[in-house]
Structure formats: structure tokens, C-alpha cells
Amino acid sequence: MKVLEPGPDIVWLGHDTFRITAEQVVYTDPYKLNVTAPKADVILITHGHFDHCAPEDIAKISTPDTVIVAPGECAETLKGYKLQVVKPGDRVIVKGLTIEAVPAYNINKFRSPGQVFHPKADGKVGYVITIGGCRVYHAGDTDFIPEMRNISCDIALLPVSGTYVMTAQEAAQAANQIKARMTIPMHYGAIVGKENDAEQFKKLCQVPVTILKQGGG
């Protein structure tokens, strides 16, 4: 659906997966896709965890011309594809689209004492992509990190489930800092998180929020 006019068509496909369509068809972190999903011009992968870099789902939407943008930790998994490797701070042009890789990491979500799920040193990323006349920020798996103060975007896609990423409360703080023209919650309803996380997030936000229905609308 159009969440902004003018702007790209954005469909939430569950978890961190979106199909963003304007001059190109772009997917983010494809996971558990229907086999009839439209093919991708560009696929953005934020990091190497199985629910973000899923080879079987990437194969469903890839053609010989599809370009995958991903951090270096995914390079081995994505052998055989047209791959553009990025790290935080990189800015690349792919199929006419400007894509900026931005930091995504944990500061207070721990798998064990002293070890977070998504360490900053790993170089995992989020993206700001310019498409359909808008800057769309996909935060990836992250906490509310200082670098978000430098994010400039029209549409922000933010994780809200807690456990591995921001809680609804933390995500609302991030959204209120970023001040996008429209913010959309993600990262719930699959691995962790429930719809009430998205609802709680919306209640706490001081900026416009759209909660998308999975698969469209």
C-alpha cells in the first residue's frame, strides 16, 4: 500500500520482510515467502541470521539479473548471486537506486553475560534506500543506538518485539528521535513478538504510525 503520496508501494510480508515497489522491486530480508512472490530487482540483506539471510527464500524471488546487497558475513551463503557487499557507512548505486548501509547492533540484548546477539563489531547493517521519491529506512536487527540521531528518512521500518531488538518502548523512543513522516513496526508475529507490541509502539509514538497487515493493506 501507499503509506505516503508520492512514495513507493510497501507490502509487509512478515517479520523483517517487506516488498517495496516503485521504479524497481526491492525486498528486505526475505523469509518464509510464498513461491508466487514477484521477482526482485534488488534484495537487501541486513545480516547473516537464518531468518534474515534465508537462501531458500532468496532463490524464490531471484533472477539472473537480481542484485543482492549484504554485509560481508553473508558472502559465503550468497555465492553464485550478483552480490554487492557493504559495511556500515557505505553508499552504493544499484540498478539506479541509492542505497546507504547504516549501523545495526545491540547495546542491551544479551545471549549470555557480556555477549549481545548483534555485536557492533560484526558490521551488521540497516539500510536507507531512496525509491519512489522517498528515503526508506529499514533498521535491521538493532537497539536504539546513537547513530539513529543521524538518520534522515521519510519512512522508517523499525523492529518492536524486544528479545533480540528494540522493545516497543525503545522503538517508540527511536521513532520520536528519527521523526520520519511515517513509521511502520516490524519484527513481530514470527520468531518473537506479537501484534500488541506493534499496538503498544503506536500508542507511545509522537509521530505518524501505520501498522500494516501481513501480505498487504
Protein backbone atom coordinates (compact mmCIF):
# COMPACT_ATOMS: atom_id res chain seq x y z
CA MET A 1 0.00 0.00 0.00
CA LYS A 2 0.98 3.63 -0.29
CA VAL A 3 1.80 4.97 3.14
CA LEU A 4 2.89 8.31 1.68
CA GLU A 5 1.99 10.16 -1.51
CA PRO A 6 4.12 10.32 -3.50
CA GLY A 7 6.01 7.25 -2.38
CA PRO A 8 6.68 3.57 -3.08
CA ASP A 9 4.18 0.77 -2.57
CA ILE A 10 5.09 -1.07 0.64
CA VAL A 11 3.89 -4.58 1.50
CA TRP A 12 4.83 -6.22 4.81
CA LEU A 13 5.37 -9.95 4.34
CA GLY A 14 6.04 -10.75 7.99
CA HIS A 15 8.99 -10.45 10.36
CA ASP A 16 11.53 -8.04 8.75
CA THR A 17 10.42 -8.78 5.20
CA PHE A 18 8.99 -6.02 3.01
CA ARG A 19 8.41 -5.70 -0.71
CA ILE A 20 9.00 -2.09 -1.72
CA THR A 21 7.96 -1.24 -5.26
CA ALA A 22 8.42 1.85 -7.39
CA GLU A 23 10.96 2.11 -10.20
CA GLN A 24 12.33 -1.27 -9.03
CA VAL A 25 11.05 -4.19 -6.93
CA VAL A 26 13.05 -4.39 -3.70
CA TYR A 27 12.80 -7.00 -0.94
CA THR A 28 14.26 -6.75 2.55
CA ASP A 29 15.39 -9.87 4.45
CA PRO A 30 13.10 -12.31 2.56
CA TYR A 31 11.88 -15.05 4.91
CA LYS A 32 9.08 -17.63 4.54
CA LEU A 33 7.95 -16.23 1.20
CA ASN A 34 5.17 -17.61 -0.96
CA VAL A 35 6.55 -19.28 -4.08
CA THR A 36 4.42 -16.96 -6.22
CA ALA A 37 6.08 -13.80 -4.86
CA PRO A 38 7.04 -11.35 -7.65
CA LYS A 39 10.68 -11.45 -8.67
CA ALA A 40 13.16 -8.97 -7.21
CA ASP A 41 15.35 -6.43 -8.92
CA VAL A 42 17.22 -5.81 -5.64
CA ILE A 43 17.34 -7.77 -2.38
CA LEU A 44 18.63 -6.12 0.80
CA ILE A 45 20.02 -8.45 3.48
CA THR A 46 20.80 -6.93 6.87
CA HIS A 47 22.82 -9.78 8.41
CA GLY A 48 23.50 -13.48 8.34
CA HIS A 49 21.00 -14.96 10.82
CA PHE A 50 18.75 -17.64 9.32
CA ASP A 51 15.59 -15.53 9.46
CA HIS A 52 17.23 -12.68 7.52
CA CYS A 53 19.60 -14.39 5.09
CA ALA A 54 17.49 -17.38 4.02
CA PRO A 55 18.84 -18.99 0.81
CA GLU A 56 15.61 -20.89 0.03
CA ASP A 57 13.59 -17.66 0.12
CA ILE A 58 16.17 -15.66 -1.79
CA ALA A 59 16.03 -18.30 -4.54
CA LYS A 60 12.23 -17.90 -4.86
CA ILE A 61 12.50 -14.24 -5.89
CA SER A 62 15.83 -14.15 -7.72
CA THR A 63 16.57 -13.97 -11.44
CA PRO A 64 19.96 -13.88 -13.13
CA ASP A 65 19.69 -10.07 -13.03
CA THR A 66 18.78 -9.73 -9.35
CA VAL A 67 21.39 -7.88 -7.29
CA ILE A 68 21.75 -8.72 -3.59
CA VAL A 69 23.17 -6.11 -1.22
CA ALA A 70 24.51 -7.62 2.01
CA PRO A 71 27.26 -7.33 4.64
CA GLY A 72 30.38 -9.44 4.33
CA GLU A 73 29.20 -12.07 6.81
CA CYS A 74 26.66 -13.21 4.18
CA ALA A 75 29.10 -13.53 1.26
CA GLU A 76 29.71 -17.27 1.61
CA THR A 77 25.98 -18.05 1.85
CA LEU A 78 25.23 -15.93 -1.23
CA LYS A 79 27.88 -17.36 -3.56
CA GLY A 80 26.61 -17.56 -7.14
CA TYR A 81 24.46 -14.42 -6.94
CA LYS A 82 25.22 -10.92 -8.14
CA LEU A 83 26.41 -9.59 -4.79
CA GLN A 84 27.24 -6.07 -3.62
CA VAL A 85 28.99 -6.34 -0.26
CA VAL A 86 28.57 -3.35 2.07
CA LYS A 87 29.56 -2.24 5.55
CA PRO A 88 28.13 0.50 7.77
CA GLY A 89 28.81 3.89 6.19
CA ASP A 90 28.83 2.66 2.59
CA ARG A 91 26.71 4.32 -0.10
CA VAL A 92 26.16 2.44 -3.36
CA ILE A 93 24.07 2.80 -6.50
CA VAL A 94 22.33 -0.43 -7.51
CA LYS A 95 20.01 -0.53 -10.54
CA GLY A 96 19.61 3.22 -10.30
CA LEU A 97 18.70 3.18 -6.60
CA THR A 98 20.79 4.93 -3.96
CA ILE A 99 21.36 2.57 -1.02
CA GLU A 100 23.09 3.59 2.20
CA ALA A 101 24.24 0.96 4.70
CA VAL A 102 23.88 2.14 8.31
CA PRO A 103 24.86 0.55 11.64
CA ALA A 104 22.56 -2.01 13.32
CA TYR A 105 23.61 -3.58 16.60
CA ASN A 106 22.62 -4.37 20.18
CA ILE A 107 23.59 -2.49 23.30
CA ASN A 108 21.41 -4.28 25.88
CA LYS A 109 20.08 -7.55 24.39
CA PHE A 110 22.31 -10.37 25.64
CA ARG A 111 22.61 -14.03 24.58
CA SER A 112 24.93 -14.60 27.57
CA PRO A 113 26.67 -12.28 30.06
CA GLY A 114 28.70 -9.73 28.12
CA GLN A 115 27.68 -11.12 24.71
CA VAL A 116 24.94 -9.36 22.76
CA PHE A 117 23.00 -11.02 19.93
CA HIS A 118 24.13 -8.49 17.30
CA PRO A 119 27.57 -7.08 18.16
CA LYS A 120 28.60 -3.77 16.64
CA ALA A 121 31.94 -5.27 15.60
CA ASP A 122 30.16 -7.72 13.25
CA GLY A 123 29.25 -4.97 10.80
CA LYS A 124 25.58 -5.92 10.53
CA VAL A 125 23.55 -3.22 8.81
CA GLY A 126 20.29 -1.45 8.25
CA TYR A 127 19.59 0.46 5.04
CA VAL A 128 18.33 3.80 3.84
CA ILE A 129 17.12 3.38 0.26
CA THR A 130 15.89 6.17 -1.97
CA ILE A 131 12.95 4.83 -4.00
CA GLY A 132 9.72 6.30 -5.32
CA GLY A 133 10.84 9.78 -4.32
CA CYS A 134 11.23 8.75 -0.65
CA ARG A 135 14.03 7.79 1.69
CA VAL A 136 13.03 4.50 3.35
CA TYR A 137 14.95 3.38 6.45
CA HIS A 138 14.95 -0.35 7.29
CA ALA A 139 16.60 -0.54 10.70
CA GLY A 140 17.56 -4.23 10.64
CA ASP A 141 18.01 -6.03 13.97
CA THR A 142 19.06 -3.27 16.32
CA ASP A 143 18.58 -1.44 19.56
CA PHE A 144 18.01 2.32 19.84
CA ILE A 145 21.59 3.27 19.01
CA PRO A 146 23.26 6.72 18.93
CA GLU A 147 23.69 6.56 15.13
CA MET A 148 19.91 6.82 14.70
CA ARG A 149 20.21 10.52 15.50
CA ASN A 150 21.81 10.92 12.07
CA ILE A 151 19.11 9.06 10.15
CA SER A 152 17.14 11.22 7.73
CA CYS A 153 14.18 9.44 6.15
CA ASP A 154 10.58 9.77 5.05
CA ILE A 155 9.54 6.25 6.06
CA ALA A 156 11.06 4.27 8.96
CA LEU A 157 10.66 0.50 9.37
CA LEU A 158 11.51 -0.32 13.00
CA PRO A 159 11.65 -3.60 14.97
CA VAL A 160 9.45 -3.65 18.09
CA SER A 161 9.45 -7.18 19.58
CA GLY A 162 12.21 -6.96 22.17
CA THR A 163 14.41 -10.02 22.98
CA TYR A 164 16.79 -9.54 20.02
CA VAL A 165 15.85 -5.98 19.05
CA MET A 166 14.21 -2.87 20.50
CA THR A 167 11.20 -3.27 22.73
CA ALA A 168 8.05 -1.38 21.78
CA GLN A 169 9.04 1.33 24.27
CA GLU A 170 12.58 1.62 22.94
CA ALA A 171 11.36 1.62 19.34
CA ALA A 172 8.96 4.46 20.15
CA GLN A 173 11.87 6.45 21.57
CA ALA A 174 13.77 5.80 18.34
CA ALA A 175 10.79 6.79 16.20
CA ASN A 176 10.32 10.00 18.16
CA GLN A 177 14.00 10.78 17.63
CA ILE A 178 14.03 9.99 13.89
CA LYS A 179 10.78 11.86 13.17
CA ALA A 180 10.00 10.14 9.86
CA ARG A 181 6.88 11.25 8.01
CA MET A 182 5.57 7.68 8.51
CA THR A 183 6.80 4.85 10.72
CA ILE A 184 5.93 1.15 10.36
CA PRO A 185 6.61 -1.51 13.02
CA MET A 186 8.18 -4.85 12.11
CA HIS A 187 9.90 -7.88 13.69
CA TYR A 188 6.88 -9.40 15.41
CA GLY A 189 4.50 -12.28 14.79
CA ALA A 190 7.12 -14.77 13.55
CA ILE A 191 10.12 -15.60 15.76
CA VAL A 192 9.23 -13.34 18.70
CA GLY A 193 6.78 -10.54 19.38
CA LYS A 194 3.04 -10.18 18.99
CA GLU A 195 0.63 -7.72 17.44
CA ASN A 196 0.18 -6.00 20.81
CA ASP A 197 3.86 -4.98 20.56
CA ALA A 198 3.00 -3.05 17.41
CA GLU A 199 -0.09 -1.56 19.05
CA GLN A 200 1.86 -0.54 22.15
CA PHE A 201 4.53 1.01 19.93
CA LYS A 202 1.92 3.07 18.10
CA LYS A 203 0.41 4.34 21.37
CA LEU A 204 3.82 5.54 22.57
CA CYS A 205 4.83 7.26 19.36
CA GLN A 206 4.53 11.01 18.86
CA VAL A 207 4.91 10.58 15.10
CA PRO A 208 2.58 9.07 12.47
CA VAL A 209 2.47 5.24 12.55
CA THR A 210 0.88 2.74 10.17
CA ILE A 211 0.53 -0.90 11.26
CA LEU A 212 0.44 -2.97 8.08
CA LYS A 213 -1.46 -6.23 7.74
CA GLN A 214 0.79 -9.09 6.70
CA GLY A 215 0.62 -9.61 2.95
CA GLY A 216 -0.88 -6.23 2.15
CA GLY A 217 -3.06 -3.46 3.47
